[in-house]
Amino acid sequence: MINLSFRLYNPSKVIEKNNLYRVNETETVKFIEQHQSAKEIVNMEIVLRKGQYGIYANEYRRPGTEKEGCKTTDVLACIIDENNKKIRSIVFDVKSNISAFSDNLMRDEAMITAINEVHDFVEQIHAELLHKKSFLIYYKDAGYIEQEHVGIVTKSFEPEKFRAVAQKLERLISEEKKNISTLVSLKLKNSIRPYEPEIKTLYNFADKKIIIHEREYPLQVYILQKANSTDYEITIKWMIQ
């Protein structure tokens, strides 16, 4: 197998974005999303056994891709089991509160906000899976079998709100609004018609799944817990069973 070049993970040093780190022993790698007065902290606990090592990266993209317009996720992590030729991988992004849009979907562009949030998230996941594939291809060529996972880390995940957006979008596109004029209804429908392909994506997201090129990925949802007056935190234990 072609050997890959990794940086060696050192818990005393800062993780630099867009670099692959090799983790040689069980470690908890900390990812911090810093806001003005608060933090969201993900403790990625990589649990290793004999013959295993980890790969970890923040905002990793394939070498040779331009940064502009190239989406990534916050975290990419893998465990490589050399003895059994197995890989367990995950890519996930931290979204402060994906469900924070207003319950009144016709207010403050709440519906469009929700649609764009989900669309952008799925694009991030899709891109990061491609970035991951770009180096795991060497393991696959050597006969390794991968178990893939995708996830989201957030303070709140309310499936019914995303389902409501999908239903509302469906109705606005397929029906006339009876309580407003035909002209206003037409303008409204025209403004949201480009979002019609997102209806299925929203329903899938509400069901905790993502479809990419007809392949279904169950969505792992990790809920941040309040750590103190300003910060939220979660620990994700990652290992090969």
C-alpha atoms as a PDB file:
ATOM      1  CA  MET A   1       0.000   0.000   0.000  1.00  0.00           C
ATOM      2  CA  ILE A   2       1.150   3.565  -0.728  1.00  0.00           C
ATOM      3  CA  ASN A   3       2.108   5.229   2.546  1.00  0.00           C
ATOM      4  CA  LEU A   4       0.450   8.549   3.348  1.00  0.00           C
ATOM      5  CA  SER A   5       2.125  11.516   4.991  1.00  0.00           C
ATOM      6  CA  PHE A   6       0.507  12.643   8.247  1.00  0.00           C
ATOM      7  CA  ARG A   7       1.406  15.104  10.938  1.00  0.00           C
ATOM      8  CA  LEU A   8       1.856  13.413  14.286  1.00  0.00           C
ATOM      9  CA  TYR A   9      -0.812  14.538  16.749  1.00  0.00           C
ATOM     10  CA  ASN A  10       0.666  16.274  19.788  1.00  0.00           C
ATOM     11  CA  PRO A  11      -1.868  17.166  22.521  1.00  0.00           C
ATOM     12  CA  SER A  12       0.302  20.085  23.611  1.00  0.00           C
ATOM     13  CA  LYS A  13       0.137  21.751  20.193  1.00  0.00           C
ATOM     14  CA  VAL A  14      -2.713  23.503  18.403  1.00  0.00           C
ATOM     15  CA  ILE A  15      -4.439  21.603  15.605  1.00  0.00           C
ATOM     16  CA  GLU A  16      -3.952  23.462  12.339  1.00  0.00           C
ATOM     17  CA  LYS A  17      -6.798  23.460   9.850  1.00  0.00           C
ATOM     18  CA  ASN A  18      -6.602  21.445   6.643  1.00  0.00           C
ATOM     19  CA  ASN A  19      -3.982  18.993   7.905  1.00  0.00           C
ATOM     20  CA  LEU A  20      -4.301  15.268   8.507  1.00  0.00           C
ATOM     21  CA  TYR A  21      -3.009  14.197  11.922  1.00  0.00           C
ATOM     22  CA  ARG A  22      -2.111  10.672  12.918  1.00  0.00           C
ATOM     23  CA  VAL A  23      -3.198   9.709  16.432  1.00  0.00           C
ATOM     24  CA  ASN A  24      -1.147   6.770  17.729  1.00  0.00           C
ATOM     25  CA  GLU A  25      -2.750   6.216  21.114  1.00  0.00           C
ATOM     26  CA  THR A  26      -6.093   6.822  22.762  1.00  0.00           C
ATOM     27  CA  GLU A  27      -6.590  10.578  22.934  1.00  0.00           C
ATOM     28  CA  THR A  28      -9.354  13.136  23.393  1.00  0.00           C
ATOM     29  CA  VAL A  29      -8.956  15.735  20.659  1.00  0.00           C
ATOM     30  CA  LYS A  30     -10.741  18.982  21.407  1.00  0.00           C
ATOM     31  CA  PHE A  31     -12.545  21.039  18.771  1.00  0.00           C
ATOM     32  CA  ILE A  32     -13.699  24.525  19.829  1.00  0.00           C
ATOM     33  CA  GLU A  33     -16.100  26.741  17.903  1.00  0.00           C
ATOM     34  CA  GLN A  34     -15.428  30.192  19.329  1.00  0.00           C
ATOM     35  CA  HIS A  35     -18.105  32.890  19.296  1.00  0.00           C
ATOM     36  CA  GLN A  36     -17.834  36.399  20.724  1.00  0.00           C
ATOM     37  CA  SER A  37     -18.724  35.473  24.290  1.00  0.00           C
ATOM     38  CA  ALA A  38     -19.326  31.726  24.130  1.00  0.00           C
ATOM     39  CA  LYS A  39     -17.821  28.456  22.950  1.00  0.00           C
ATOM     40  CA  GLU A  40     -19.094  25.167  21.599  1.00  0.00           C
ATOM     41  CA  ILE A  41     -16.711  22.373  22.533  1.00  0.00           C
ATOM     42  CA  VAL A  42     -16.543  18.900  21.032  1.00  0.00           C
ATOM     43  CA  ASN A  43     -14.299  16.393  22.795  1.00  0.00           C
ATOM     44  CA  MET A  44     -13.499  13.755  20.179  1.00  0.00           C
ATOM     45  CA  GLU A  45     -12.438  10.724  22.189  1.00  0.00           C
ATOM     46  CA  ILE A  46     -10.520   8.445  19.833  1.00  0.00           C
ATOM     47  CA  VAL A  47     -10.258   5.027  21.493  1.00  0.00           C
ATOM     48  CA  LEU A  48      -7.570   2.772  20.044  1.00  0.00           C
ATOM     49  CA  ARG A  49      -6.652  -0.870  20.492  1.00  0.00           C
ATOM     50  CA  LYS A  50      -3.569  -2.783  19.429  1.00  0.00           C
ATOM     51  CA  GLY A  51      -2.919  -2.462  15.707  1.00  0.00           C
ATOM     52  CA  GLN A  52      -5.057   0.658  15.345  1.00  0.00           C
ATOM     53  CA  TYR A  53      -4.370   4.348  14.808  1.00  0.00           C
ATOM     54  CA  GLY A  54      -6.523   7.404  14.281  1.00  0.00           C
ATOM     55  CA  ILE A  55      -6.689  10.128  11.637  1.00  0.00           C
ATOM     56  CA  TYR A  56      -8.066  13.539  12.609  1.00  0.00           C
ATOM     57  CA  ALA A  57      -8.550  16.841  10.770  1.00  0.00           C
ATOM     58  CA  ASN A  58     -10.381  20.155  11.046  1.00  0.00           C
ATOM     59  CA  GLU A  59     -11.830  21.704   7.865  1.00  0.00           C
ATOM     60  CA  TYR A  60      -9.893  19.292   5.681  1.00  0.00           C
ATOM     61  CA  ARG A  61     -10.041  19.603   1.916  1.00  0.00           C
ATOM     62  CA  ARG A  62      -8.229  17.599  -0.696  1.00  0.00           C
ATOM     63  CA  PRO A  63      -4.829  19.001  -1.719  1.00  0.00           C
ATOM     64  CA  GLY A  64      -5.059  20.713  -5.075  1.00  0.00           C
ATOM     65  CA  THR A  65      -8.548  22.100  -4.498  1.00  0.00           C
ATOM     66  CA  GLU A  66      -9.039  25.851  -4.331  1.00  0.00           C
ATOM     67  CA  LYS A  67     -10.169  27.177  -0.972  1.00  0.00           C
ATOM     68  CA  GLU A  68     -12.711  29.563  -2.475  1.00  0.00           C
ATOM     69  CA  GLY A  69     -15.994  27.788  -3.038  1.00  0.00           C
ATOM     70  CA  CYS A  70     -14.688  24.538  -1.559  1.00  0.00           C
ATOM     71  CA  LYS A  71     -16.843  23.433   1.351  1.00  0.00           C
ATOM     72  CA  THR A  72     -15.571  21.438   4.332  1.00  0.00           C
ATOM     73  CA  THR A  73     -16.880  20.232   7.675  1.00  0.00           C
ATOM     74  CA  ASP A  74     -15.478  21.082  11.078  1.00  0.00           C
ATOM     75  CA  VAL A  75     -14.274  17.563  11.889  1.00  0.00           C
ATOM     76  CA  LEU A  76     -13.105  14.491  10.007  1.00  0.00           C
ATOM     77  CA  ALA A  77     -12.035  11.486  12.062  1.00  0.00           C
ATOM     78  CA  CYS A  78     -11.111   7.896  11.226  1.00  0.00           C
ATOM     79  CA  ILE A  79      -9.877   4.836  13.037  1.00  0.00           C
ATOM     80  CA  ILE A  80      -7.679   2.527  10.976  1.00  0.00           C
ATOM     81  CA  ASP A  81      -7.510  -1.120  12.070  1.00  0.00           C
ATOM     82  CA  GLU A  82      -4.495  -2.586  10.317  1.00  0.00           C
ATOM     83  CA  ASN A  83      -4.952  -6.118  11.651  1.00  0.00           C
ATOM     84  CA  ASN A  84      -8.512  -6.508  10.377  1.00  0.00           C
ATOM     85  CA  LYS A  85      -8.325  -4.012   7.487  1.00  0.00           C
ATOM     86  CA  LYS A  86     -11.252  -1.988   8.803  1.00  0.00           C
ATOM     87  CA  ILE A  87     -11.940   1.743   8.863  1.00  0.00           C
ATOM     88  CA  ARG A  88     -14.550   3.578  10.898  1.00  0.00           C
ATOM     89  CA  SER A  89     -14.939   7.182   9.773  1.00  0.00           C
ATOM     90  CA  ILE A  90     -17.095  10.189  10.544  1.00  0.00           C
ATOM     91  CA  VAL A  91     -17.464  13.705   9.191  1.00  0.00           C
ATOM     92  CA  PHE A  92     -19.554  16.224  11.087  1.00  0.00           C
ATOM     93  CA  ASP A  93     -20.168  19.933  11.418  1.00  0.00           C
ATOM     94  CA  VAL A  94     -21.030  22.071  14.422  1.00  0.00           C
ATOM     95  CA  LYS A  95     -24.154  24.197  13.913  1.00  0.00           C
ATOM     96  CA  SER A  96     -24.854  26.366  16.953  1.00  0.00           C
ATOM     97  CA  ASN A  97     -28.617  25.783  16.748  1.00  0.00           C
ATOM     98  CA  ILE A  98     -29.907  24.387  13.473  1.00  0.00           C
ATOM     99  CA  SER A  99     -33.504  24.669  14.758  1.00  0.00           C
ATOM    100  CA  ALA A 100     -33.312  28.319  15.804  1.00  0.00           C
ATOM    101  CA  PHE A 101     -35.537  29.733  13.039  1.00  0.00           C
ATOM    102  CA  SER A 102     -38.959  31.135  13.937  1.00  0.00           C
ATOM    103  CA  ASP A 103     -41.995  28.851  14.240  1.00  0.00           C
ATOM    104  CA  ASN A 104     -43.810  31.466  12.147  1.00  0.00           C
ATOM    105  CA  LEU A 105     -42.396  30.434   8.789  1.00  0.00           C
ATOM    106  CA  MET A 106     -43.708  33.542   7.021  1.00  0.00           C
ATOM    107  CA  ARG A 107     -41.859  35.844   9.403  1.00  0.00           C
ATOM    108  CA  ASP A 108     -38.317  37.189   8.998  1.00  0.00           C
ATOM    109  CA  GLU A 109     -37.666  34.804   6.086  1.00  0.00           C
ATOM    110  CA  ALA A 110     -37.655  31.913   8.571  1.00  0.00           C
ATOM    111  CA  MET A 111     -38.564  29.370   5.904  1.00  0.00           C
ATOM    112  CA  ILE A 112     -35.806  30.467   3.515  1.00  0.00           C
ATOM    113  CA  THR A 113     -33.305  30.487   6.387  1.00  0.00           C
ATOM    114  CA  ALA A 114     -34.183  26.889   7.275  1.00  0.00           C
ATOM    115  CA  ILE A 115     -34.022  25.759   3.636  1.00  0.00           C
ATOM    116  CA  ASN A 116     -30.610  27.346   3.117  1.00  0.00           C
ATOM    117  CA  GLU A 117     -29.229  25.973   6.396  1.00  0.00           C
ATOM    118  CA  VAL A 118     -30.116  22.410   5.473  1.00  0.00           C
ATOM    119  CA  HIS A 119     -29.000  22.793   1.850  1.00  0.00           C
ATOM    120  CA  ASP A 120     -25.603  24.203   2.874  1.00  0.00           C
ATOM    121  CA  PHE A 121     -25.125  21.509   5.522  1.00  0.00           C
ATOM    122  CA  VAL A 122     -25.772  18.697   3.036  1.00  0.00           C
ATOM    123  CA  GLU A 123     -23.334  20.311   0.595  1.00  0.00           C
ATOM    124  CA  GLN A 124     -20.688  20.449   3.340  1.00  0.00           C
ATOM    125  CA  ILE A 125     -21.156  16.771   4.149  1.00  0.00           C
ATOM    126  CA  HIS A 126     -21.027  15.828   0.469  1.00  0.00           C
ATOM    127  CA  ALA A 127     -17.815  17.777  -0.091  1.00  0.00           C
ATOM    128  CA  GLU A 128     -16.106  16.374   3.006  1.00  0.00           C
ATOM    129  CA  LEU A 129     -16.966  12.807   2.002  1.00  0.00           C
ATOM    130  CA  LEU A 130     -15.167  13.492  -1.294  1.00  0.00           C
ATOM    131  CA  HIS A 131     -12.153  14.962   0.527  1.00  0.00           C
ATOM    132  CA  LYS A 132     -12.041  11.871   2.755  1.00  0.00           C
ATOM    133  CA  LYS A 133     -12.350   9.524  -0.191  1.00  0.00           C
ATOM    134  CA  SER A 134      -9.359  11.241  -1.824  1.00  0.00           C
ATOM    135  CA  PHE A 135      -6.939   9.678   0.681  1.00  0.00           C
ATOM    136  CA  LEU A 136      -8.870   6.599   1.852  1.00  0.00           C
ATOM    137  CA  ILE A 137      -8.765   5.367  -1.737  1.00  0.00           C
ATOM    138  CA  TYR A 138      -5.309   3.941  -0.997  1.00  0.00           C
ATOM    139  CA  TYR A 139      -6.681   1.911   1.915  1.00  0.00           C
ATOM    140  CA  LYS A 140      -9.612   0.705  -0.194  1.00  0.00           C
ATOM    141  CA  ASP A 141      -7.170  -0.395  -2.901  1.00  0.00           C
ATOM    142  CA  ALA A 142      -5.392  -2.469  -0.241  1.00  0.00           C
ATOM    143  CA  GLY A 143      -8.645  -4.211   0.699  1.00  0.00           C
ATOM    144  CA  TYR A 144      -9.806  -2.137   3.675  1.00  0.00           C
ATOM    145  CA  ILE A 145     -13.552  -1.989   4.376  1.00  0.00           C
ATOM    146  CA  GLU A 146     -14.963   1.352   5.577  1.00  0.00           C
ATOM    147  CA  GLN A 147     -17.929   2.015   7.836  1.00  0.00           C
ATOM    148  CA  GLU A 148     -18.965   5.619   7.099  1.00  0.00           C
ATOM    149  CA  HIS A 149     -20.863   7.981   9.383  1.00  0.00           C
ATOM    150  CA  VAL A 150     -22.037  11.574   9.022  1.00  0.00           C
ATOM    151  CA  GLY A 151     -23.234  13.842  11.801  1.00  0.00           C
ATOM    152  CA  ILE A 152     -24.263  17.196  13.132  1.00  0.00           C
ATOM    153  CA  VAL A 153     -23.464  18.763  16.504  1.00  0.00           C
ATOM    154  CA  THR A 154     -25.991  21.338  17.682  1.00  0.00           C
ATOM    155  CA  LYS A 155     -27.787  22.704  20.742  1.00  0.00           C
ATOM    156  CA  SER A 156     -31.208  21.707  19.470  1.00  0.00           C
ATOM    157  CA  PHE A 157     -32.563  19.472  16.751  1.00  0.00           C
ATOM    158  CA  GLU A 158     -36.331  19.637  16.232  1.00  0.00           C
ATOM    159  CA  PRO A 159     -37.363  17.341  13.355  1.00  0.00           C
ATOM    160  CA  GLU A 160     -40.956  18.592  13.337  1.00  0.00           C
ATOM    161  CA  LYS A 161     -39.804  22.109  12.465  1.00  0.00           C
ATOM    162  CA  PHE A 162     -38.001  20.927   9.344  1.00  0.00           C
ATOM    163  CA  ARG A 163     -40.952  18.763   8.395  1.00  0.00           C
ATOM    164  CA  ALA A 164     -43.196  21.820   8.773  1.00  0.00           C
ATOM    165  CA  VAL A 165     -40.925  23.787   6.419  1.00  0.00           C
ATOM    166  CA  ALA A 166     -41.118  21.010   3.825  1.00  0.00           C
ATOM    167  CA  GLN A 167     -44.898  20.878   4.106  1.00  0.00           C
ATOM    168  CA  LYS A 168     -45.239  24.659   3.907  1.00  0.00           C
ATOM    169  CA  LEU A 169     -42.970  24.853   0.878  1.00  0.00           C
ATOM    170  CA  GLU A 170     -44.940  22.069  -0.770  1.00  0.00           C
ATOM    171  CA  ARG A 171     -48.242  23.849  -0.190  1.00  0.00           C
ATOM    172  CA  LEU A 172     -47.021  27.242  -1.382  1.00  0.00           C
ATOM    173  CA  ILE A 173     -45.756  25.779  -4.604  1.00  0.00           C
ATOM    174  CA  SER A 174     -48.761  23.569  -5.358  1.00  0.00           C
ATOM    175  CA  GLU A 175     -51.670  25.700  -4.114  1.00  0.00           C
ATOM    176  CA  GLU A 176     -52.997  29.208  -4.346  1.00  0.00           C
ATOM    177  CA  LYS A 177     -53.042  31.122  -1.065  1.00  0.00           C
ATOM    178  CA  LYS A 178     -56.726  31.770  -0.398  1.00  0.00           C
ATOM    179  CA  ASN A 179     -56.234  34.574   2.110  1.00  0.00           C
ATOM    180  CA  ILE A 180     -54.102  36.822  -0.096  1.00  0.00           C
ATOM    181  CA  SER A 181     -54.578  38.228  -3.573  1.00  0.00           C
ATOM    182  CA  THR A 182     -53.746  36.172  -6.644  1.00  0.00           C
ATOM    183  CA  LEU A 183     -50.980  38.614  -7.582  1.00  0.00           C
ATOM    184  CA  VAL A 184     -49.307  38.401  -4.177  1.00  0.00           C
ATOM    185  CA  SER A 185     -49.713  34.619  -4.198  1.00  0.00           C
ATOM    186  CA  LEU A 186     -48.074  34.408  -7.630  1.00  0.00           C
ATOM    187  CA  LYS A 187     -45.133  36.566  -6.543  1.00  0.00           C
ATOM    188  CA  LEU A 188     -44.711  34.470  -3.412  1.00  0.00           C
ATOM    189  CA  LYS A 189     -44.801  31.217  -5.322  1.00  0.00           C
ATOM    190  CA  ASN A 190     -42.330  32.490  -7.915  1.00  0.00           C
ATOM    191  CA  SER A 191     -39.900  33.571  -5.200  1.00  0.00           C
ATOM    192  CA  ILE A 192     -39.836  30.123  -3.625  1.00  0.00           C
ATOM    193  CA  ARG A 193     -40.251  27.938  -6.731  1.00  0.00           C
ATOM    194  CA  PRO A 194     -36.430  27.584  -7.154  1.00  0.00           C
ATOM    195  CA  TYR A 195     -36.423  25.864  -3.761  1.00  0.00           C
ATOM    196  CA  GLU A 196     -38.745  23.070  -4.868  1.00  0.00           C
ATOM    197  CA  PRO A 197     -35.925  20.476  -5.117  1.00  0.00           C
ATOM    198  CA  GLU A 198     -35.216  21.086  -1.410  1.00  0.00           C
ATOM    199  CA  ILE A 199     -38.567  19.620  -0.304  1.00  0.00           C
ATOM    200  CA  LYS A 200     -37.272  16.052  -0.355  1.00  0.00           C
ATOM    201  CA  THR A 201     -34.019  17.127   1.303  1.00  0.00           C
ATOM    202  CA  LEU A 202     -35.963  18.732   4.164  1.00  0.00           C
ATOM    203  CA  TYR A 203     -38.145  15.657   4.678  1.00  0.00           C
ATOM    204  CA  ASN A 204     -35.035  13.474   4.743  1.00  0.00           C
ATOM    205  CA  PHE A 205     -33.305  15.800   7.189  1.00  0.00           C
ATOM    206  CA  ALA A 206     -36.345  15.683   9.481  1.00  0.00           C
ATOM    207  CA  ASP A 207     -36.057  11.873   9.340  1.00  0.00           C
ATOM    208  CA  LYS A 208     -32.360  12.128  10.262  1.00  0.00           C
ATOM    209  CA  LYS A 209     -30.945  11.023   6.958  1.00  0.00           C
ATOM    210  CA  ILE A 210     -29.066  12.529   4.021  1.00  0.00           C
ATOM    211  CA  ILE A 211     -29.236  11.290   0.430  1.00  0.00           C
ATOM    212  CA  ILE A 212     -26.182  11.838  -1.752  1.00  0.00           C
ATOM    213  CA  HIS A 213     -26.217  10.389  -5.280  1.00  0.00           C
ATOM    214  CA  GLU A 214     -29.026   8.022  -4.263  1.00  0.00           C
ATOM    215  CA  ARG A 215     -27.036   6.690  -1.306  1.00  0.00           C
ATOM    216  CA  GLU A 216     -28.618   7.104   2.111  1.00  0.00           C
ATOM    217  CA  TYR A 217     -26.517   8.184   5.090  1.00  0.00           C
ATOM    218  CA  PRO A 218     -28.156   8.030   8.535  1.00  0.00           C
ATOM    219  CA  LEU A 219     -27.559  11.363  10.272  1.00  0.00           C
ATOM    220  CA  GLN A 220     -25.975  11.098  13.706  1.00  0.00           C
ATOM    221  CA  VAL A 221     -27.302  13.967  15.842  1.00  0.00           C
ATOM    222  CA  TYR A 222     -25.184  15.038  18.818  1.00  0.00           C
ATOM    223  CA  ILE A 223     -26.763  17.517  21.221  1.00  0.00           C
ATOM    224  CA  LEU A 224     -24.502  19.985  23.024  1.00  0.00           C
ATOM    225  CA  GLN A 225     -25.036  20.260  26.767  1.00  0.00           C
ATOM    226  CA  LYS A 226     -24.606  23.439  28.791  1.00  0.00           C
ATOM    227  CA  ALA A 227     -21.178  23.404  30.451  1.00  0.00           C
ATOM    228  CA  ASN A 228     -21.392  26.780  32.212  1.00  0.00           C
ATOM    229  CA  SER A 229     -23.129  30.142  31.838  1.00  0.00           C
ATOM    230  CA  THR A 230     -21.781  30.687  28.306  1.00  0.00           C
ATOM    231  CA  ASP A 231     -20.389  27.436  26.911  1.00  0.00           C
ATOM    232  CA  TYR A 232     -21.824  24.196  25.525  1.00  0.00           C
ATOM    233  CA  GLU A 233     -19.965  20.898  25.302  1.00  0.00           C
ATOM    234  CA  ILE A 234     -20.216  17.262  24.220  1.00  0.00           C
ATOM    235  CA  THR A 235     -17.937  14.233  24.200  1.00  0.00           C
ATOM    236  CA  ILE A 236     -18.106  11.827  21.252  1.00  0.00           C
ATOM    237  CA  LYS A 237     -16.487   8.443  21.846  1.00  0.00           C
ATOM    238  CA  TRP A 238     -15.140   6.974  18.607  1.00  0.00           C
ATOM    239  CA  MET A 239     -13.907   3.410  18.325  1.00  0.00           C
ATOM    240  CA  ILE A 240     -14.187   0.234  16.269  1.00  0.00           C
ATOM    241  CA  GLN A 241     -16.496  -2.167  18.076  1.00  0.00           C
END
